[in-house]
Amino acid sequence: SCVIDWLVSNKSIRNRQEGLMIASSLLNEGYLQPAGDLSKNAADGIAENPFLDNPDAFYYF
């Protein structure tokens, strides 16, 4: 996703797995919000991880 790409490009994370953990934490704390069915379904617990590293899953601050 663009969020993880942004974290990688700013050298805020070491790898995509770390980015997925941080993005999930930001989502759980309410700093990121899911936008669209794919990301909303993941956030509602349908997916293994509440944050999807998927170009079709959208989030906003």
PDB file of N, CA and C in Angstrom:
ATOM      1  N   SER A   1       0.834  -1.188   0.000  1.00  0.00           N
ATOM      2  CA  SER A   1       0.000   0.000   0.000  1.00  0.00           C
ATOM      3  C   SER A   1       0.870   1.240   0.000  1.00  0.00           C
ATOM      4  N   CYS A   2       0.283   2.358  -0.302  1.00  0.00           N
ATOM      5  CA  CYS A   2       1.016   3.624  -0.344  1.00  0.00           C
ATOM      6  C   CYS A   2       1.560   4.005   1.026  1.00  0.00           C
ATOM      7  N   VAL A   3       0.846   3.645   2.080  1.00  0.00           N
ATOM      8  CA  VAL A   3       1.318   3.969   3.433  1.00  0.00           C
ATOM      9  C   VAL A   3       2.642   3.274   3.696  1.00  0.00           C
ATOM     10  N   ILE A   4       2.723   2.001   3.394  1.00  0.00           N
ATOM     11  CA  ILE A   4       3.963   1.256   3.632  1.00  0.00           C
ATOM     12  C   ILE A   4       5.054   1.725   2.674  1.00  0.00           C
ATOM     13  N   ASP A   5       4.711   2.008   1.425  1.00  0.00           N
ATOM     14  CA  ASP A   5       5.686   2.562   0.481  1.00  0.00           C
ATOM     15  C   ASP A   5       6.268   3.864   1.018  1.00  0.00           C
ATOM     16  N   TRP A   6       5.424   4.709   1.575  1.00  0.00           N
ATOM     17  CA  TRP A   6       5.861   5.992   2.127  1.00  0.00           C
ATOM     18  C   TRP A   6       6.794   5.781   3.316  1.00  0.00           C
ATOM     19  N   LEU A   7       6.435   4.860   4.205  1.00  0.00           N
ATOM     20  CA  LEU A   7       7.292   4.568   5.359  1.00  0.00           C
ATOM     21  C   LEU A   7       8.653   4.035   4.910  1.00  0.00           C
ATOM     22  N   VAL A   8       8.669   3.175   3.895  1.00  0.00           N
ATOM     23  CA  VAL A   8       9.929   2.636   3.372  1.00  0.00           C
ATOM     24  C   VAL A   8      10.760   3.752   2.746  1.00  0.00           C
ATOM     25  N   SER A   9      10.142   4.592   1.935  1.00  0.00           N
ATOM     26  CA  SER A   9      10.885   5.646   1.233  1.00  0.00           C
ATOM     27  C   SER A   9      11.475   6.678   2.185  1.00  0.00           C
ATOM     28  N   ASN A  10      10.837   6.880   3.322  1.00  0.00           N
ATOM     29  CA  ASN A  10      11.352   7.817   4.325  1.00  0.00           C
ATOM     30  C   ASN A  10      12.291   7.143   5.316  1.00  0.00           C
ATOM     31  N   LYS A  11      12.591   5.875   5.058  1.00  0.00           N
ATOM     32  CA  LYS A  11      13.473   5.093   5.925  1.00  0.00           C
ATOM     33  C   LYS A  11      12.981   5.069   7.371  1.00  0.00           C
ATOM     34  N   SER A  12      11.658   5.101   7.524  1.00  0.00           N
ATOM     35  CA  SER A  12      11.040   5.026   8.848  1.00  0.00           C
ATOM     36  C   SER A  12      10.922   3.584   9.327  1.00  0.00           C
ATOM     37  N   ILE A  13      11.036   2.650   8.385  1.00  0.00           N
ATOM     38  CA  ILE A  13      10.944   1.224   8.712  1.00  0.00           C
ATOM     39  C   ILE A  13      12.054   0.483   7.981  1.00  0.00           C
ATOM     40  N   ARG A  14      12.360  -0.720   8.467  1.00  0.00           N
ATOM     41  CA  ARG A  14      13.417  -1.527   7.850  1.00  0.00           C
ATOM     42  C   ARG A  14      12.908  -2.382   6.702  1.00  0.00           C
ATOM     43  N   ASN A  15      11.637  -2.802   6.773  1.00  0.00           N
ATOM     44  CA  ASN A  15      11.098  -3.686   5.740  1.00  0.00           C
ATOM     45  C   ASN A  15       9.573  -3.594   5.738  1.00  0.00           C
ATOM     46  N   ARG A  16       8.956  -4.238   4.775  1.00  0.00           N
ATOM     47  CA  ARG A  16       7.502  -4.160   4.623  1.00  0.00           C
ATOM     48  C   ARG A  16       6.783  -4.828   5.788  1.00  0.00           C
ATOM     49  N   GLN A  17       7.360  -5.903   6.337  1.00  0.00           N
ATOM     50  CA  GLN A  17       6.729  -6.580   7.474  1.00  0.00           C
ATOM     51  C   GLN A  17       6.645  -5.638   8.674  1.00  0.00           C
ATOM     52  N   GLU A  18       7.726  -4.914   8.931  1.00  0.00           N
ATOM     53  CA  GLU A  18       7.706  -3.936  10.018  1.00  0.00           C
ATOM     54  C   GLU A  18       6.684  -2.837   9.718  1.00  0.00           C
ATOM     55  N   GLY A  19       6.605  -2.426   8.463  1.00  0.00           N
ATOM     56  CA  GLY A  19       5.629  -1.424   8.064  1.00  0.00           C
ATOM     57  C   GLY A  19       4.204  -1.888   8.271  1.00  0.00           C
ATOM     58  N   LEU A  20       3.960  -3.155   8.008  1.00  0.00           N
ATOM     59  CA  LEU A  20       2.629  -3.724   8.209  1.00  0.00           C
ATOM     60  C   LEU A  20       2.248  -3.684   9.686  1.00  0.00           C
ATOM     61  N   MET A  21       3.198  -3.995  10.559  1.00  0.00           N
ATOM     62  CA  MET A  21       2.929  -3.944  12.003  1.00  0.00           C
ATOM     63  C   MET A  21       2.652  -2.510  12.462  1.00  0.00           C
ATOM     64  N   ILE A  22       3.447  -1.556  11.981  1.00  0.00           N
ATOM     65  CA  ILE A  22       3.254  -0.157  12.377  1.00  0.00           C
ATOM     66  C   ILE A  22       1.940   0.382  11.826  1.00  0.00           C
ATOM     67  N   ALA A  23       1.653   0.096  10.565  1.00  0.00           N
ATOM     68  CA  ALA A  23       0.400   0.570   9.966  1.00  0.00           C
ATOM     69  C   ALA A  23      -0.807  -0.031  10.685  1.00  0.00           C
ATOM     70  N   SER A  24      -0.716  -1.291  11.078  1.00  0.00           N
ATOM     71  CA  SER A  24      -1.805  -1.922  11.835  1.00  0.00           C
ATOM     72  C   SER A  24      -2.000  -1.230  13.171  1.00  0.00           C
ATOM     73  N   SER A  25      -0.904  -0.864  13.819  1.00  0.00           N
ATOM     74  CA  SER A  25      -0.992  -0.141  15.093  1.00  0.00           C
ATOM     75  C   SER A  25      -1.630   1.231  14.896  1.00  0.00           C
ATOM     76  N   LEU A  26      -1.232   1.934  13.836  1.00  0.00           N
ATOM     77  CA  LEU A  26      -1.826   3.245  13.542  1.00  0.00           C
ATOM     78  C   LEU A  26      -3.323   3.112  13.279  1.00  0.00           C
ATOM     79  N   LEU A  27      -3.706   2.052  12.608  1.00  0.00           N
ATOM     80  CA  LEU A  27      -5.121   1.793  12.335  1.00  0.00           C
ATOM     81  C   LEU A  27      -5.868   1.491  13.634  1.00  0.00           C
ATOM     82  N   ASN A  28      -5.296   0.635  14.468  1.00  0.00           N
ATOM     83  CA  ASN A  28      -5.936   0.264  15.735  1.00  0.00           C
ATOM     84  C   ASN A  28      -6.075   1.450  16.685  1.00  0.00           C
ATOM     85  N   GLU A  29      -5.127   2.384  16.630  1.00  0.00           N
ATOM     86  CA  GLU A  29      -5.170   3.566  17.497  1.00  0.00           C
ATOM     87  C   GLU A  29      -6.032   4.686  16.918  1.00  0.00           C
ATOM     88  N   GLY A  30      -6.526   4.512  15.700  1.00  0.00           N
ATOM     89  CA  GLY A  30      -7.417   5.496  15.104  1.00  0.00           C
ATOM     90  C   GLY A  30      -6.730   6.589  14.304  1.00  0.00           C
ATOM     91  N   TYR A  31      -5.404   6.478  14.090  1.00  0.00           N
ATOM     92  CA  TYR A  31      -4.696   7.480  13.289  1.00  0.00           C
ATOM     93  C   TYR A  31      -4.934   7.277  11.800  1.00  0.00           C
ATOM     94  N   LEU A  32      -5.183   6.044  11.389  1.00  0.00           N
ATOM     95  CA  LEU A  32      -5.573   5.722  10.021  1.00  0.00           C
ATOM     96  C   LEU A  32      -6.992   5.189  10.048  1.00  0.00           C
ATOM     97  N   GLN A  33      -7.736   5.472   8.994  1.00  0.00           N
ATOM     98  CA  GLN A  33      -9.109   4.984   8.862  1.00  0.00           C
ATOM     99  C   GLN A  33      -9.227   4.229   7.540  1.00  0.00           C
ATOM    100  N   PRO A  34      -9.944   3.112   7.526  1.00  0.00           N
ATOM    101  CA  PRO A  34     -10.135   2.390   6.269  1.00  0.00           C
ATOM    102  C   PRO A  34     -11.109   3.135   5.362  1.00  0.00           C
ATOM    103  N   ALA A  35     -10.832   3.087   4.070  1.00  0.00           N
ATOM    104  CA  ALA A  35     -11.714   3.702   3.074  1.00  0.00           C
ATOM    105  C   ALA A  35     -11.940   2.674   1.976  1.00  0.00           C
ATOM    106  N   GLY A  36     -13.148   2.276   1.770  1.00  0.00           N
ATOM    107  CA  GLY A  36     -13.450   1.269   0.758  1.00  0.00           C
ATOM    108  C   GLY A  36     -13.730  -0.079   1.387  1.00  0.00           C
ATOM    109  N   ASP A  37     -14.435  -0.912   0.649  1.00  0.00           N
ATOM    110  CA  ASP A  37     -14.885  -2.204   1.174  1.00  0.00           C
ATOM    111  C   ASP A  37     -13.737  -3.125   1.565  1.00  0.00           C
ATOM    112  N   LEU A  38     -12.702  -3.201   0.743  1.00  0.00           N
ATOM    113  CA  LEU A  38     -11.593  -4.115   1.011  1.00  0.00           C
ATOM    114  C   LEU A  38     -10.918  -3.787   2.341  1.00  0.00           C
ATOM    115  N   SER A  39     -10.555  -2.544   2.532  1.00  0.00           N
ATOM    116  CA  SER A  39      -9.877  -2.159   3.776  1.00  0.00           C
ATOM    117  C   SER A  39     -10.826  -2.178   4.970  1.00  0.00           C
ATOM    118  N   LYS A  40     -12.094  -1.840   4.759  1.00  0.00           N
ATOM    119  CA  LYS A  40     -13.062  -1.884   5.865  1.00  0.00           C
ATOM    120  C   LYS A  40     -13.298  -3.316   6.329  1.00  0.00           C
ATOM    121  N   ASN A  41     -13.387  -4.252   5.386  1.00  0.00           N
ATOM    122  CA  ASN A  41     -13.561  -5.657   5.759  1.00  0.00           C
ATOM    123  C   ASN A  41     -12.369  -6.171   6.548  1.00  0.00           C
ATOM    124  N   ALA A  42     -11.176  -5.783   6.143  1.00  0.00           N
ATOM    125  CA  ALA A  42      -9.973  -6.203   6.877  1.00  0.00           C
ATOM    126  C   ALA A  42      -9.975  -5.614   8.279  1.00  0.00           C
ATOM    127  N   ALA A  43     -10.320  -4.344   8.395  1.00  0.00           N
ATOM    128  CA  ALA A  43     -10.340  -3.680   9.703  1.00  0.00           C
ATOM    129  C   ALA A  43     -11.407  -4.275  10.614  1.00  0.00           C
ATOM    130  N   ASP A  44     -12.473  -4.792  10.022  1.00  0.00           N
ATOM    131  CA  ASP A  44     -13.551  -5.401  10.811  1.00  0.00           C
ATOM    132  C   ASP A  44     -13.228  -6.827  11.242  1.00  0.00           C
ATOM    133  N   GLY A  45     -12.029  -7.302  10.913  1.00  0.00           N
ATOM    134  CA  GLY A  45     -11.603  -8.613  11.378  1.00  0.00           C
ATOM    135  C   GLY A  45     -11.791  -9.749  10.409  1.00  0.00           C
ATOM    136  N   ILE A  46     -12.182  -9.454   9.176  1.00  0.00           N
ATOM    137  CA  ILE A  46     -12.395 -10.510   8.195  1.00  0.00           C
ATOM    138  C   ILE A  46     -11.051 -11.034   7.669  1.00  0.00           C
ATOM    139  N   ALA A  47     -10.047 -10.177   7.594  1.00  0.00           N
ATOM    140  CA  ALA A  47      -8.719 -10.586   7.128  1.00  0.00           C
ATOM    141  C   ALA A  47      -7.830 -10.940   8.320  1.00  0.00           C
ATOM    142  N   GLU A  48      -6.711 -11.599   8.026  1.00  0.00           N
ATOM    143  CA  GLU A  48      -5.757 -11.994   9.068  1.00  0.00           C
ATOM    144  C   GLU A  48      -5.172 -10.776   9.775  1.00  0.00           C
ATOM    145  N   ASN A  49      -4.918  -9.726   9.023  1.00  0.00           N
ATOM    146  CA  ASN A  49      -4.327  -8.506   9.562  1.00  0.00           C
ATOM    147  C   ASN A  49      -5.304  -7.356   9.336  1.00  0.00           C
ATOM    148  N   PRO A  50      -5.482  -6.450  10.307  1.00  0.00           N
ATOM    149  CA  PRO A  50      -6.430  -5.348  10.103  1.00  0.00           C
ATOM    150  C   PRO A  50      -5.995  -4.346   9.037  1.00  0.00           C
ATOM    151  N   PHE A  51      -4.693  -4.308   8.724  1.00  0.00           N
ATOM    152  CA  PHE A  51      -4.180  -3.420   7.688  1.00  0.00           C
ATOM    153  C   PHE A  51      -3.669  -4.268   6.532  1.00  0.00           C
ATOM    154  N   LEU A  52      -4.105  -3.959   5.319  1.00  0.00           N
ATOM    155  CA  LEU A  52      -3.705  -4.733   4.145  1.00  0.00           C
ATOM    156  C   LEU A  52      -2.614  -4.015   3.363  1.00  0.00           C
ATOM    157  N   ASP A  53      -1.547  -4.729   3.050  1.00  0.00           N
ATOM    158  CA  ASP A  53      -0.497  -4.214   2.164  1.00  0.00           C
ATOM    159  C   ASP A  53      -0.909  -4.583   0.747  1.00  0.00           C
ATOM    160  N   ASN A  54      -1.879  -3.838   0.241  1.00  0.00           N
ATOM    161  CA  ASN A  54      -2.515  -4.145  -1.031  1.00  0.00           C
ATOM    162  C   ASN A  54      -2.800  -2.822  -1.739  1.00  0.00           C
ATOM    163  N   PRO A  55      -2.434  -2.686  -3.010  1.00  0.00           N
ATOM    164  CA  PRO A  55      -2.668  -1.417  -3.707  1.00  0.00           C
ATOM    165  C   PRO A  55      -4.149  -1.060  -3.868  1.00  0.00           C
ATOM    166  N   ASP A  56      -5.039  -2.030  -3.671  1.00  0.00           N
ATOM    167  CA  ASP A  56      -6.472  -1.765  -3.791  1.00  0.00           C
ATOM    168  C   ASP A  56      -7.146  -1.479  -2.451  1.00  0.00           C
ATOM    169  N   ALA A  57      -6.376  -1.507  -1.367  1.00  0.00           N
ATOM    170  CA  ALA A  57      -6.909  -1.191  -0.036  1.00  0.00           C
ATOM    171  C   ALA A  57      -6.528   0.257   0.280  1.00  0.00           C
ATOM    172  N   PHE A  58      -7.519   1.079   0.556  1.00  0.00           N
ATOM    173  CA  PHE A  58      -7.290   2.507   0.757  1.00  0.00           C
ATOM    174  C   PHE A  58      -7.518   2.907   2.208  1.00  0.00           C
ATOM    175  N   TYR A  59      -6.705   3.861   2.656  1.00  0.00           N
ATOM    176  CA  TYR A  59      -6.769   4.370   4.030  1.00  0.00           C
ATOM    177  C   TYR A  59      -6.581   5.879   3.988  1.00  0.00           C
ATOM    178  N   TYR A  60      -7.077   6.548   5.013  1.00  0.00           N
ATOM    179  CA  TYR A  60      -6.862   7.992   5.121  1.00  0.00           C
ATOM    180  C   TYR A  60      -6.548   8.346   6.564  1.00  0.00           C
ATOM    181  N   PHE A  61      -5.931   9.529   6.736  1.00  0.00           N
ATOM    182  CA  PHE A  61      -5.577  10.015   8.078  1.00  0.00           C
ATOM    183  C   PHE A  61      -6.738  10.744   8.686  1.00  0.00           C
TER     184      PHE A  61
END
